[in-house]
Amino acid sequence: MMQFWLLLAQATTQPAGGQPPPQPADAFWRFMMPLLLALAVFYFILFRGQRKERHRTRQMLEALKRNDRVQTIGGMYGTVVDVRGNEVLLKVDEASNVKVRFHRSAIKEVLSEAPAAEEKK
C-alpha cells in the first residue's frame, strides 16, 4: 500500500510528456491576473459613475434659465432672475425682494420652474 502512495506522489510531481515543471513566473501571473482584472473592473465602475455625475451636473448648470427654482450648495432656495457667464442672480425672498448673486457652480440642483412661470403656461 505504501508503494502505491509513493508512485502516486511521483506521478503528480513529474510533468507528463517530459515537459519542464512550471516556472515561478507562471505561478505569479496566475495569481496576479484575476487580481488585476478585479482592480480594473472596480476602477471602471467607480470612475465611470463619477464621470456620469459630473456630466449630468455640467448639463444642468449649462441649462440654467430664468424662473428656474434652484437650491445652492449652502442650502438656500431661490428663483433664477438672471444668468450671466458664471454668475447667477437668485431671488431668495419674494416679500422683501432679496436678490443674491452666486457663482454658477454653487447651484446644487434645479428643483423645477417657479410656480409663477408654470401658471403662465
PDB file of N, CA and C in Angstrom:
ATOM      1  N   MET A   1       0.821  -1.192   0.000  1.00  0.00           N
ATOM      2  CA  MET A   1       0.000   0.000   0.000  1.00  0.00           C
ATOM      3  C   MET A   1       0.871   1.264   0.000  1.00  0.00           C
ATOM      4  N   MET A   2       1.957   1.222   0.743  1.00  0.00           N
ATOM      5  CA  MET A   2       2.845   2.375   0.812  1.00  0.00           C
ATOM      6  C   MET A   2       3.464   2.665  -0.556  1.00  0.00           C
ATOM      7  N   GLN A   3       3.725   1.613  -1.301  1.00  0.00           N
ATOM      8  CA  GLN A   3       4.306   1.769  -2.620  1.00  0.00           C
ATOM      9  C   GLN A   3       3.340   2.490  -3.567  1.00  0.00           C
ATOM     10  N   PHE A   4       2.058   2.250  -3.408  1.00  0.00           N
ATOM     11  CA  PHE A   4       1.052   2.919  -4.226  1.00  0.00           C
ATOM     12  C   PHE A   4       1.106   4.428  -4.013  1.00  0.00           C
ATOM     13  N   TRP A   5       1.191   4.839  -2.751  1.00  0.00           N
ATOM     14  CA  TRP A   5       1.234   6.268  -2.444  1.00  0.00           C
ATOM     15  C   TRP A   5       2.525   6.907  -2.956  1.00  0.00           C
ATOM     16  N   LEU A   6       3.619   6.185  -2.890  1.00  0.00           N
ATOM     17  CA  LEU A   6       4.871   6.710  -3.426  1.00  0.00           C
ATOM     18  C   LEU A   6       4.789   6.889  -4.941  1.00  0.00           C
ATOM     19  N   LEU A   7       4.221   5.914  -5.621  1.00  0.00           N
ATOM     20  CA  LEU A   7       4.060   6.018  -7.068  1.00  0.00           C
ATOM     21  C   LEU A   7       3.125   7.169  -7.439  1.00  0.00           C
ATOM     22  N   LEU A   8       2.059   7.326  -6.672  1.00  0.00           N
ATOM     23  CA  LEU A   8       1.115   8.417  -6.923  1.00  0.00           C
ATOM     24  C   LEU A   8       1.783   9.776  -6.720  1.00  0.00           C
ATOM     25  N   ALA A   9       2.582   9.903  -5.666  1.00  0.00           N
ATOM     26  CA  ALA A   9       3.280  11.159  -5.399  1.00  0.00           C
ATOM     27  C   ALA A   9       4.279  11.475  -6.503  1.00  0.00           C
ATOM     28  N   GLN A  10       4.988  10.466  -6.980  1.00  0.00           N
ATOM     29  CA  GLN A  10       5.951  10.677  -8.053  1.00  0.00           C
ATOM     30  C   GLN A  10       5.250  11.048  -9.360  1.00  0.00           C
ATOM     31  N   ALA A  11       4.121  10.432  -9.596  1.00  0.00           N
ATOM     32  CA  ALA A  11       3.393  10.714 -10.832  1.00  0.00           C
ATOM     33  C   ALA A  11       2.863  12.141 -10.849  1.00  0.00           C
ATOM     34  N   THR A  12       2.467  12.646  -9.707  1.00  0.00           N
ATOM     35  CA  THR A  12       1.931  14.006  -9.665  1.00  0.00           C
ATOM     36  C   THR A  12       3.025  15.060  -9.687  1.00  0.00           C
ATOM     37  N   THR A  13       4.234  14.724  -9.236  1.00  0.00           N
ATOM     38  CA  THR A  13       5.300  15.721  -9.234  1.00  0.00           C
ATOM     39  C   THR A  13       6.031  15.786 -10.558  1.00  0.00           C
ATOM     40  N   GLN A  14       6.028  14.714 -11.339  1.00  0.00           N
ATOM     41  CA  GLN A  14       6.690  14.721 -12.634  1.00  0.00           C
ATOM     42  C   GLN A  14       5.694  15.133 -13.709  1.00  0.00           C
ATOM     43  N   PRO A  15       6.011  16.138 -14.478  1.00  0.00           N
ATOM     44  CA  PRO A  15       5.092  16.545 -15.536  1.00  0.00           C
ATOM     45  C   PRO A  15       5.007  15.488 -16.634  1.00  0.00           C
ATOM     46  N   ALA A  16       3.838  15.393 -17.225  1.00  0.00           N
ATOM     47  CA  ALA A  16       3.623  14.427 -18.296  1.00  0.00           C
ATOM     48  C   ALA A  16       4.302  14.895 -19.568  1.00  0.00           C
ATOM     49  N   GLY A  17       4.784  13.957 -20.331  1.00  0.00           N
ATOM     50  CA  GLY A  17       5.378  14.288 -21.622  1.00  0.00           C
ATOM     51  C   GLY A  17       6.770  14.863 -21.508  1.00  0.00           C
ATOM     52  N   GLY A  18       7.389  14.806 -20.351  1.00  0.00           N
ATOM     53  CA  GLY A  18       8.746  15.290 -20.185  1.00  0.00           C
ATOM     54  C   GLY A  18       8.877  16.798 -20.231  1.00  0.00           C
ATOM     55  N   GLN A  19       7.792  17.526 -20.027  1.00  0.00           N
ATOM     56  CA  GLN A  19       7.860  18.987 -20.025  1.00  0.00           C
ATOM     57  C   GLN A  19       8.481  19.455 -18.714  1.00  0.00           C
ATOM     58  N   PRO A  20       9.191  20.565 -18.764  1.00  0.00           N
ATOM     59  CA  PRO A  20       9.779  21.076 -17.518  1.00  0.00           C
ATOM     60  C   PRO A  20       8.677  21.557 -16.572  1.00  0.00           C
ATOM     61  N   PRO A  21       8.946  21.525 -15.281  1.00  0.00           N
ATOM     62  CA  PRO A  21       7.927  21.992 -14.326  1.00  0.00           C
ATOM     63  C   PRO A  21       7.651  23.478 -14.536  1.00  0.00           C
ATOM     64  N   PRO A  22       6.454  23.940 -14.173  1.00  0.00           N
ATOM     65  CA  PRO A  22       6.117  25.356 -14.378  1.00  0.00           C
ATOM     66  C   PRO A  22       7.064  26.265 -13.604  1.00  0.00           C
ATOM     67  N   GLN A  23       7.404  27.361 -14.221  1.00  0.00           N
ATOM     68  CA  GLN A  23       8.310  28.320 -13.610  1.00  0.00           C
ATOM     69  C   GLN A  23       7.567  29.154 -12.566  1.00  0.00           C
ATOM     70  N   PRO A  24       8.286  29.729 -11.610  1.00  0.00           N
ATOM     71  CA  PRO A  24       7.632  30.583 -10.613  1.00  0.00           C
ATOM     72  C   PRO A  24       6.919  31.781 -11.232  1.00  0.00           C
ATOM     73  N   ALA A  25       7.387  32.269 -12.371  1.00  0.00           N
ATOM     74  CA  ALA A  25       6.730  33.403 -13.028  1.00  0.00           C
ATOM     75  C   ALA A  25       5.327  33.026 -13.472  1.00  0.00           C
ATOM     76  N   ASP A  26       5.144  31.782 -13.915  1.00  0.00           N
ATOM     77  CA  ASP A  26       3.810  31.328 -14.300  1.00  0.00           C
ATOM     78  C   ASP A  26       2.863  31.380 -13.113  1.00  0.00           C
ATOM     79  N   ALA A  27       3.339  30.940 -11.966  1.00  0.00           N
ATOM     80  CA  ALA A  27       2.507  30.962 -10.760  1.00  0.00           C
ATOM     81  C   ALA A  27       2.187  32.404 -10.362  1.00  0.00           C
ATOM     82  N   PHE A  28       3.155  33.286 -10.533  1.00  0.00           N
ATOM     83  CA  PHE A  28       2.934  34.694 -10.203  1.00  0.00           C
ATOM     84  C   PHE A  28       1.822  35.280 -11.066  1.00  0.00           C
ATOM     85  N   TRP A  29       1.878  35.039 -12.381  1.00  0.00           N
ATOM     86  CA  TRP A  29       0.865  35.594 -13.275  1.00  0.00           C
ATOM     87  C   TRP A  29      -0.486  34.934 -13.075  1.00  0.00           C
ATOM     88  N   ARG A  30      -0.487  33.663 -12.726  1.00  0.00           N
ATOM     89  CA  ARG A  30      -1.765  33.003 -12.439  1.00  0.00           C
ATOM     90  C   ARG A  30      -2.433  33.617 -11.218  1.00  0.00           C
ATOM     91  N   PHE A  31      -1.640  34.079 -10.287  1.00  0.00           N
ATOM     92  CA  PHE A  31      -2.184  34.740  -9.097  1.00  0.00           C
ATOM     93  C   PHE A  31      -2.573  36.188  -9.396  1.00  0.00           C
ATOM     94  N   MET A  32      -1.739  36.883 -10.164  1.00  0.00           N
ATOM     95  CA  MET A  32      -1.938  38.315 -10.377  1.00  0.00           C
ATOM     96  C   MET A  32      -3.020  38.650 -11.398  1.00  0.00           C
ATOM     97  N   MET A  33      -3.238  37.817 -12.390  1.00  0.00           N
ATOM     98  CA  MET A  33      -4.221  38.137 -13.438  1.00  0.00           C
ATOM     99  C   MET A  33      -5.625  38.354 -12.885  1.00  0.00           C
ATOM    100  N   PRO A  34      -6.160  37.459 -12.062  1.00  0.00           N
ATOM    101  CA  PRO A  34      -7.501  37.734 -11.521  1.00  0.00           C
ATOM    102  C   PRO A  34      -7.527  38.993 -10.652  1.00  0.00           C
ATOM    103  N   LEU A  35      -6.449  39.213  -9.916  1.00  0.00           N
ATOM    104  CA  LEU A  35      -6.384  40.403  -9.066  1.00  0.00           C
ATOM    105  C   LEU A  35      -6.368  41.675  -9.913  1.00  0.00           C
ATOM    106  N   LEU A  36      -5.560  41.692 -10.960  1.00  0.00           N
ATOM    107  CA  LEU A  36      -5.511  42.861 -11.841  1.00  0.00           C
ATOM    108  C   LEU A  36      -6.831  43.065 -12.569  1.00  0.00           C
ATOM    109  N   LEU A  37      -7.458  41.988 -12.971  1.00  0.00           N
ATOM    110  CA  LEU A  37      -8.755  42.079 -13.637  1.00  0.00           C
ATOM    111  C   LEU A  37      -9.810  42.663 -12.689  1.00  0.00           C
ATOM    112  N   ALA A  38      -9.815  42.213 -11.442  1.00  0.00           N
ATOM    113  CA  ALA A  38     -10.765  42.739 -10.459  1.00  0.00           C
ATOM    114  C   ALA A  38     -10.512  44.227 -10.201  1.00  0.00           C
ATOM    115  N   LEU A  39      -9.252  44.621 -10.096  1.00  0.00           N
ATOM    116  CA  LEU A  39      -8.927  46.039  -9.891  1.00  0.00           C
ATOM    117  C   LEU A  39      -9.371  46.886 -11.078  1.00  0.00           C
ATOM    118  N   ALA A  40      -9.210  46.373 -12.281  1.00  0.00           N
ATOM    119  CA  ALA A  40      -9.642  47.113 -13.468  1.00  0.00           C
ATOM    120  C   ALA A  40     -11.153  47.290 -13.475  1.00  0.00           C
ATOM    121  N   VAL A  41     -11.877  46.260 -13.082  1.00  0.00           N
ATOM    122  CA  VAL A  41     -13.343  46.352 -13.035  1.00  0.00           C
ATOM    123  C   VAL A  41     -13.774  47.366 -11.983  1.00  0.00           C
ATOM    124  N   PHE A  42     -13.182  47.328 -10.796  1.00  0.00           N
ATOM    125  CA  PHE A  42     -13.530  48.296  -9.750  1.00  0.00           C
ATOM    126  C   PHE A  42     -13.209  49.720 -10.192  1.00  0.00           C
ATOM    127  N   TYR A  43     -12.071  49.918 -10.827  1.00  0.00           N
ATOM    128  CA  TYR A  43     -11.686  51.235 -11.320  1.00  0.00           C
ATOM    129  C   TYR A  43     -12.726  51.747 -12.309  1.00  0.00           C
ATOM    130  N   PHE A  44     -13.130  50.890 -13.233  1.00  0.00           N
ATOM    131  CA  PHE A  44     -14.107  51.272 -14.250  1.00  0.00           C
ATOM    132  C   PHE A  44     -15.441  51.626 -13.607  1.00  0.00           C
ATOM    133  N   ILE A  45     -15.890  50.826 -12.656  1.00  0.00           N
ATOM    134  CA  ILE A  45     -17.183  51.068 -12.007  1.00  0.00           C
ATOM    135  C   ILE A  45     -17.160  52.366 -11.208  1.00  0.00           C
ATOM    136  N   LEU A  46     -16.123  52.578 -10.419  1.00  0.00           N
ATOM    137  CA  LEU A  46     -16.061  53.766  -9.567  1.00  0.00           C
ATOM    138  C   LEU A  46     -15.946  55.051 -10.377  1.00  0.00           C
ATOM    139  N   PHE A  47     -15.013  55.097 -11.299  1.00  0.00           N
ATOM    140  CA  PHE A  47     -14.781  56.340 -12.017  1.00  0.00           C
ATOM    141  C   PHE A  47     -15.806  56.592 -13.101  1.00  0.00           C
ATOM    142  N   ARG A  48     -16.428  55.566 -13.601  1.00  0.00           N
ATOM    143  CA  ARG A  48     -17.493  55.750 -14.595  1.00  0.00           C
ATOM    144  C   ARG A  48     -18.677  56.471 -13.951  1.00  0.00           C
ATOM    145  N   GLY A  49     -19.032  56.092 -12.727  1.00  0.00           N
ATOM    146  CA  GLY A  49     -20.134  56.744 -12.024  1.00  0.00           C
ATOM    147  C   GLY A  49     -19.849  58.209 -11.749  1.00  0.00           C
ATOM    148  N   GLN A  50     -18.625  58.500 -11.344  1.00  0.00           N
ATOM    149  CA  GLN A  50     -18.259  59.889 -11.084  1.00  0.00           C
ATOM    150  C   GLN A  50     -18.296  60.710 -12.367  1.00  0.00           C
ATOM    151  N   ARG A  51     -17.840  60.130 -13.452  1.00  0.00           N
ATOM    152  CA  ARG A  51     -17.839  60.846 -14.725  1.00  0.00           C
ATOM    153  C   ARG A  51     -19.265  61.145 -15.176  1.00  0.00           C
ATOM    154  N   LYS A  52     -20.166  60.182 -15.006  1.00  0.00           N
ATOM    155  CA  LYS A  52     -21.570  60.409 -15.376  1.00  0.00           C
ATOM    156  C   LYS A  52     -22.184  61.518 -14.527  1.00  0.00           C
ATOM    157  N   GLU A  53     -21.881  61.515 -13.240  1.00  0.00           N
ATOM    158  CA  GLU A  53     -22.429  62.537 -12.344  1.00  0.00           C
ATOM    159  C   GLU A  53     -21.911  63.924 -12.723  1.00  0.00           C
ATOM    160  N   ARG A  54     -20.624  64.039 -13.027  1.00  0.00           N
ATOM    161  CA  ARG A  54     -20.069  65.328 -13.463  1.00  0.00           C
ATOM    162  C   ARG A  54     -20.719  65.800 -14.752  1.00  0.00           C
ATOM    163  N   HIS A  55     -20.966  64.872 -15.667  1.00  0.00           N
ATOM    164  CA  HIS A  55     -21.602  65.217 -16.943  1.00  0.00           C
ATOM    165  C   HIS A  55     -23.021  65.731 -16.714  1.00  0.00           C
ATOM    166  N   ARG A  56     -23.790  65.050 -15.843  1.00  0.00           N
ATOM    167  CA  ARG A  56     -25.160  65.491 -15.538  1.00  0.00           C
ATOM    168  C   ARG A  56     -25.153  66.867 -14.878  1.00  0.00           C
ATOM    169  N   THR A  57     -24.223  67.086 -13.954  1.00  0.00           N
ATOM    170  CA  THR A  57     -24.136  68.377 -13.271  1.00  0.00           C
ATOM    171  C   THR A  57     -23.786  69.478 -14.264  1.00  0.00           C
ATOM    172  N   ARG A  58     -22.838  69.223 -15.160  1.00  0.00           N
ATOM    173  CA  ARG A  58     -22.452  70.227 -16.152  1.00  0.00           C
ATOM    174  C   ARG A  58     -23.631  70.569 -17.060  1.00  0.00           C
ATOM    175  N   GLN A  59     -24.378  69.560 -17.489  1.00  0.00           N
ATOM    176  CA  GLN A  59     -25.544  69.816 -18.334  1.00  0.00           C
ATOM    177  C   GLN A  59     -26.590  70.633 -17.584  1.00  0.00           C
ATOM    178  N   MET A  60     -26.807  70.305 -16.310  1.00  0.00           N
ATOM    179  CA  MET A  60     -27.793  71.030 -15.510  1.00  0.00           C
ATOM    180  C   MET A  60     -27.390  72.497 -15.362  1.00  0.00           C
ATOM    181  N   LEU A  61     -26.106  72.754 -15.104  1.00  0.00           N
ATOM    182  CA  LEU A  61     -25.649  74.134 -14.930  1.00  0.00           C
ATOM    183  C   LEU A  61     -25.692  74.914 -16.243  1.00  0.00           C
ATOM    184  N   GLU A  62     -25.415  74.257 -17.352  1.00  0.00           N
ATOM    185  CA  GLU A  62     -25.474  74.944 -18.644  1.00  0.00           C
ATOM    186  C   GLU A  62     -26.909  75.260 -19.051  1.00  0.00           C
ATOM    187  N   ALA A  63     -27.864  74.486 -18.551  1.00  0.00           N
ATOM    188  CA  ALA A  63     -29.264  74.675 -18.932  1.00  0.00           C
ATOM    189  C   ALA A  63     -30.013  75.616 -17.986  1.00  0.00           C
ATOM    190  N   LEU A  64     -29.310  76.236 -17.030  1.00  0.00           N
ATOM    191  CA  LEU A  64     -29.984  77.166 -16.117  1.00  0.00           C
ATOM    192  C   LEU A  64     -30.615  78.305 -16.904  1.00  0.00           C
ATOM    193  N   LYS A  65     -31.842  78.643 -16.540  1.00  0.00           N
ATOM    194  CA  LYS A  65     -32.524  79.748 -17.220  1.00  0.00           C
ATOM    195  C   LYS A  65     -33.392  80.489 -16.212  1.00  0.00           C
ATOM    196  N   ARG A  66     -33.885  81.609 -16.658  1.00  0.00           N
ATOM    197  CA  ARG A  66     -34.725  82.450 -15.816  1.00  0.00           C
ATOM    198  C   ARG A  66     -35.952  81.667 -15.335  1.00  0.00           C
ATOM    199  N   ASN A  67     -36.356  81.923 -14.097  1.00  0.00           N
ATOM    200  CA  ASN A  67     -37.512  81.326 -13.422  1.00  0.00           C
ATOM    201  C   ASN A  67     -37.314  79.872 -13.000  1.00  0.00           C
ATOM    202  N   ASP A  68     -36.089  79.338 -13.096  1.00  0.00           N
ATOM    203  CA  ASP A  68     -35.825  78.010 -12.541  1.00  0.00           C
ATOM    204  C   ASP A  68     -35.736  78.124 -11.029  1.00  0.00           C
ATOM    205  N   ARG A  69     -36.343  77.211 -10.338  1.00  0.00           N
ATOM    206  CA  ARG A  69     -36.247  77.159  -8.873  1.00  0.00           C
ATOM    207  C   ARG A  69     -35.064  76.254  -8.556  1.00  0.00           C
ATOM    208  N   VAL A  70     -34.098  76.771  -7.762  1.00  0.00           N
ATOM    209  CA  VAL A  70     -32.854  76.037  -7.513  1.00  0.00           C
ATOM    210  C   VAL A  70     -32.525  75.998  -6.026  1.00  0.00           C
ATOM    211  N   GLN A  71     -31.607  75.080  -5.693  1.00  0.00           N
ATOM    212  CA  GLN A  71     -31.043  75.013  -4.353  1.00  0.00           C
ATOM    213  C   GLN A  71     -29.536  75.159  -4.495  1.00  0.00           C
ATOM    214  N   THR A  72     -28.925  75.971  -3.622  1.00  0.00           N
ATOM    215  CA  THR A  72     -27.474  76.159  -3.669  1.00  0.00           C
ATOM    216  C   THR A  72     -26.802  75.115  -2.795  1.00  0.00           C
ATOM    217  N   ILE A  73     -25.475  75.034  -2.905  1.00  0.00           N
ATOM    218  CA  ILE A  73     -24.741  74.085  -2.080  1.00  0.00           C
ATOM    219  C   ILE A  73     -24.774  74.487  -0.609  1.00  0.00           C
ATOM    220  N   GLY A  74     -25.122  75.738  -0.330  1.00  0.00           N
ATOM    221  CA  GLY A  74     -25.255  76.204   1.048  1.00  0.00           C
ATOM    222  C   GLY A  74     -26.634  75.957   1.626  1.00  0.00           C
ATOM    223  N   GLY A  75     -27.550  75.445   0.814  1.00  0.00           N
ATOM    224  CA  GLY A  75     -28.888  75.128   1.298  1.00  0.00           C
ATOM    225  C   GLY A  75     -29.916  76.213   1.059  1.00  0.00           C
ATOM    226  N   MET A  76     -29.545  77.296   0.379  1.00  0.00           N
ATOM    227  CA  MET A  76     -30.504  78.367   0.103  1.00  0.00           C
ATOM    228  C   MET A  76     -31.344  78.012  -1.116  1.00  0.00           C
ATOM    229  N   TYR A  77     -32.623  78.318  -1.027  1.00  0.00           N
ATOM    230  CA  TYR A  77     -33.537  78.113  -2.149  1.00  0.00           C
ATOM    231  C   TYR A  77     -33.828  79.460  -2.779  1.00  0.00           C
ATOM    232  N   GLY A  78     -33.948  79.474  -4.083  1.00  0.00           N
ATOM    233  CA  GLY A  78     -34.257  80.725  -4.756  1.00  0.00           C
ATOM    234  C   GLY A  78     -34.719  80.487  -6.174  1.00  0.00           C
ATOM    235  N   THR A  79     -35.120  81.584  -6.800  1.00  0.00           N
ATOM    236  CA  THR A  79     -35.575  81.555  -8.182  1.00  0.00           C
ATOM    237  C   THR A  79     -34.575  82.326  -9.027  1.00  0.00           C
ATOM    238  N   VAL A  80     -34.152  81.749 -10.131  1.00  0.00           N
ATOM    239  CA  VAL A  80     -33.165  82.388 -11.000  1.00  0.00           C
ATOM    240  C   VAL A  80     -33.795  83.616 -11.640  1.00  0.00           C
ATOM    241  N   VAL A  81     -33.125  84.765 -11.461  1.00  0.00           N
ATOM    242  CA  VAL A  81     -33.574  86.014 -12.058  1.00  0.00           C
ATOM    243  C   VAL A  81     -32.755  86.309 -13.311  1.00  0.00           C
ATOM    244  N   ASP A  82     -31.440  86.048 -13.235  1.00  0.00           N
ATOM    245  CA  ASP A  82     -30.565  86.375 -14.355  1.00  0.00           C
ATOM    246  C   ASP A  82     -29.365  85.431 -14.340  1.00  0.00           C
ATOM    247  N   VAL A  83     -28.883  85.073 -15.524  1.00  0.00           N
ATOM    248  CA  VAL A  83     -27.686  84.242 -15.667  1.00  0.00           C
ATOM    249  C   VAL A  83     -26.750  84.961 -16.622  1.00  0.00           C
ATOM    250  N   ARG A  84     -25.556  85.303 -16.136  1.00  0.00           N
ATOM    251  CA  ARG A  84     -24.550  85.985 -16.962  1.00  0.00           C
ATOM    252  C   ARG A  84     -23.215  85.290 -16.759  1.00  0.00           C
ATOM    253  N   GLY A  85     -22.755  84.600 -17.764  1.00  0.00           N
ATOM    254  CA  GLY A  85     -21.468  83.910 -17.655  1.00  0.00           C
ATOM    255  C   GLY A  85     -21.507  82.889 -16.536  1.00  0.00           C
ATOM    256  N   ASN A  86     -20.621  83.075 -15.564  1.00  0.00           N
ATOM    257  CA  ASN A  86     -20.565  82.163 -14.422  1.00  0.00           C
ATOM    258  C   ASN A  86     -21.341  82.676 -13.218  1.00  0.00           C
ATOM    259  N   GLU A  87     -22.041  83.793 -13.358  1.00  0.00           N
ATOM    260  CA  GLU A  87     -22.805  84.352 -12.247  1.00  0.00           C
ATOM    261  C   GLU A  87     -24.293  84.099 -12.438  1.00  0.00           C
ATOM    262  N   VAL A  88     -24.942  83.763 -11.319  1.00  0.00           N
ATOM    263  CA  VAL A  88     -26.387  83.527 -11.316  1.00  0.00           C
ATOM    264  C   VAL A  88     -26.983  84.433 -10.250  1.00  0.00           C
ATOM    265  N   LEU A  89     -27.993  85.210 -10.618  1.00  0.00           N
ATOM    266  CA  LEU A  89     -28.685  86.080  -9.674  1.00  0.00           C
ATOM    267  C   LEU A  89     -29.961  85.372  -9.242  1.00  0.00           C
ATOM    268  N   LEU A  90     -30.072  85.141  -7.921  1.00  0.00           N
ATOM    269  CA  LEU A  90     -31.235  84.444  -7.374  1.00  0.00           C
ATOM    270  C   LEU A  90     -32.069  85.387  -6.530  1.00  0.00           C
ATOM    271  N   LYS A  91     -33.382  85.265  -6.655  1.00  0.00           N
ATOM    272  CA  LYS A  91     -34.290  85.959  -5.748  1.00  0.00           C
ATOM    273  C   LYS A  91     -34.616  84.942  -4.663  1.00  0.00           C
ATOM    274  N   VAL A  92     -34.193  85.261  -3.402  1.00  0.00           N
ATOM    275  CA  VAL A  92     -34.359  84.298  -2.319  1.00  0.00           C
ATOM    276  C   VAL A  92     -35.555  84.605  -1.430  1.00  0.00           C
ATOM    277  N   ASP A  93     -36.082  85.836  -1.504  1.00  0.00           N
ATOM    278  CA  ASP A  93     -37.246  86.185  -0.689  1.00  0.00           C
ATOM    279  C   ASP A  93     -38.189  87.032  -1.530  1.00  0.00           C
ATOM    280  N   GLU A  94     -39.380  86.521  -1.722  1.00  0.00           N
ATOM    281  CA  GLU A  94     -40.370  87.228  -2.544  1.00  0.00           C
ATOM    282  C   GLU A  94     -40.892  88.483  -1.845  1.00  0.00           C
ATOM    283  N   ALA A  95     -41.090  88.407  -0.527  1.00  0.00           N
ATOM    284  CA  ALA A  95     -41.705  89.517   0.208  1.00  0.00           C
ATOM    285  C   ALA A  95     -40.825  90.765   0.196  1.00  0.00           C
ATOM    286  N   SER A  96     -39.551  90.600   0.483  1.00  0.00           N
ATOM    287  CA  SER A  96     -38.671  91.768   0.546  1.00  0.00           C
ATOM    288  C   SER A  96     -37.808  91.918  -0.714  1.00  0.00           C
ATOM    289  N   ASN A  97     -38.027  91.080  -1.706  1.00  0.00           N
ATOM    290  CA  ASN A  97     -37.334  91.160  -2.985  1.00  0.00           C
ATOM    291  C   ASN A  97     -35.810  91.085  -2.827  1.00  0.00           C
ATOM    292  N   VAL A  98     -35.343  90.158  -1.966  1.00  0.00           N
ATOM    293  CA  VAL A  98     -33.912  89.986  -1.726  1.00  0.00           C
ATOM    294  C   VAL A  98     -33.313  89.170  -2.863  1.00  0.00           C
ATOM    295  N   LYS A  99     -32.251  89.719  -3.454  1.00  0.00           N
ATOM    296  CA  LYS A  99     -31.554  89.026  -4.535  1.00  0.00           C
ATOM    297  C   LYS A  99     -30.113  88.797  -4.117  1.00  0.00           C
ATOM    298  N   VAL A 100     -29.607  87.618  -4.430  1.00  0.00           N
ATOM    299  CA  VAL A 100     -28.235  87.249  -4.075  1.00  0.00           C
ATOM    300  C   VAL A 100     -27.551  86.707  -5.327  1.00  0.00           C
ATOM    301  N   ARG A 101     -26.279  87.101  -5.503  1.00  0.00           N
ATOM    302  CA  ARG A 101     -25.519  86.656  -6.672  1.00  0.00           C
ATOM    303  C   ARG A 101     -24.617  85.488  -6.256  1.00  0.00           C
ATOM    304  N   PHE A 102     -24.640  84.408  -7.044  1.00  0.00           N
ATOM    305  CA  PHE A 102     -23.840  83.213  -6.782  1.00  0.00           C
ATOM    306  C   PHE A 102     -23.016  82.859  -8.010  1.00  0.00           C
ATOM    307  N   HIS A 103     -21.945  82.130  -7.779  1.00  0.00           N
ATOM    308  CA  HIS A 103     -21.212  81.526  -8.894  1.00  0.00           C
ATOM    309  C   HIS A 103     -22.045  80.358  -9.401  1.00  0.00           C
ATOM    310  N   ARG A 104     -21.996  80.116 -10.680  1.00  0.00           N
ATOM    311  CA  ARG A 104     -22.826  79.067 -11.289  1.00  0.00           C
ATOM    312  C   ARG A 104     -22.568  77.703 -10.638  1.00  0.00           C
ATOM    313  N   SER A 105     -21.335  77.425 -10.255  1.00  0.00           N
ATOM    314  CA  SER A 105     -21.010  76.122  -9.666  1.00  0.00           C
ATOM    315  C   SER A 105     -21.577  75.954  -8.256  1.00  0.00           C
ATOM    316  N   ALA A 106     -22.099  77.042  -7.654  1.00  0.00           N
ATOM    317  CA  ALA A 106     -22.696  76.950  -6.321  1.00  0.00           C
ATOM    318  C   ALA A 106     -24.120  76.422  -6.369  1.00  0.00           C
ATOM    319  N   ILE A 107     -24.664  76.209  -7.551  1.00  0.00           N
ATOM    320  CA  ILE A 107     -26.015  75.659  -7.679  1.00  0.00           C
ATOM    321  C   ILE A 107     -25.922  74.148  -7.544  1.00  0.00           C
ATOM    322  N   LYS A 108     -26.646  73.612  -6.572  1.00  0.00           N
ATOM    323  CA  LYS A 108     -26.617  72.169  -6.325  1.00  0.00           C
ATOM    324  C   LYS A 108     -27.572  71.421  -7.240  1.00  0.00           C
ATOM    325  N   GLU A 109     -28.806  71.923  -7.338  1.00  0.00           N
ATOM    326  CA  GLU A 109     -29.779  71.248  -8.192  1.00  0.00           C
ATOM    327  C   GLU A 109     -30.880  72.199  -8.620  1.00  0.00           C
ATOM    328  N   VAL A 110     -31.467  71.891  -9.745  1.00  0.00           N
ATOM    329  CA  VAL A 110     -32.629  72.630 -10.233  1.00  0.00           C
ATOM    330  C   VAL A 110     -33.842  71.848  -9.765  1.00  0.00           C
ATOM    331  N   LEU A 111     -34.689  72.503  -8.955  1.00  0.00           N
ATOM    332  CA  LEU A 111     -35.850  71.812  -8.399  1.00  0.00           C
ATOM    333  C   LEU A 111     -36.975  71.747  -9.417  1.00  0.00           C
ATOM    334  N   SER A 112     -37.340  72.873  -9.960  1.00  0.00           N
ATOM    335  CA  SER A 112     -38.369  72.953 -11.005  1.00  0.00           C
ATOM    336  C   SER A 112     -38.457  74.407 -11.425  1.00  0.00           C
ATOM    337  N   GLU A 113     -39.321  74.671 -12.365  1.00  0.00           N
ATOM    338  CA  GLU A 113     -39.547  76.067 -12.716  1.00  0.00           C
ATOM    339  C   GLU A 113     -40.377  76.709 -11.619  1.00  0.00           C
ATOM    340  N   ALA A 114     -40.280  78.011 -11.503  1.00  0.00           N
ATOM    341  CA  ALA A 114     -41.023  78.738 -10.472  1.00  0.00           C
ATOM    342  C   ALA A 114     -42.520  78.579 -10.698  1.00  0.00           C
ATOM    343  N   PRO A 115     -43.332  78.585  -9.636  1.00  0.00           N
ATOM    344  CA  PRO A 115     -44.778  78.448  -9.790  1.00  0.00           C
ATOM    345  C   PRO A 115     -45.389  79.524 -10.678  1.00  0.00           C
ATOM    346  N   ALA A 116     -44.869  80.744 -10.633  1.00  0.00           N
ATOM    347  CA  ALA A 116     -45.415  81.824 -11.456  1.00  0.00           C
ATOM    348  C   ALA A 116     -45.237  81.507 -12.939  1.00  0.00           C
ATOM    349  N   ALA A 117     -44.109  80.915 -13.283  1.00  0.00           N
ATOM    350  CA  ALA A 117     -43.861  80.573 -14.682  1.00  0.00           C
ATOM    351  C   ALA A 117     -44.783  79.445 -15.130  1.00  0.00           C
ATOM    352  N   GLU A 118     -45.106  78.516 -14.234  1.00  0.00           N
ATOM    353  CA  GLU A 118     -45.991  77.410 -14.586  1.00  0.00           C
ATOM    354  C   GLU A 118     -47.424  77.891 -14.783  1.00  0.00           C
ATOM    355  N   GLU A 119     -47.839  78.910 -14.011  1.00  0.00           N
ATOM    356  CA  GLU A 119     -49.202  79.421 -14.129  1.00  0.00           C
ATOM    357  C   GLU A 119     -49.415  80.122 -15.464  1.00  0.00           C
ATOM    358  N   LYS A 120     -48.365  80.748 -16.019  1.00  0.00           N
ATOM    359  CA  LYS A 120     -48.479  81.470 -17.283  1.00  0.00           C
ATOM    360  C   LYS A 120     -48.675  80.521 -18.460  1.00  0.00           C
ATOM    361  N   LYS A 121     -48.249  79.283 -18.314  1.00  0.00           N
ATOM    362  CA  LYS A 121     -48.334  78.312 -19.416  1.00  0.00           C
ATOM    363  C   LYS A 121     -49.712  77.837 -19.673  1.00  0.00           C
TER     364      LYS A 121
END
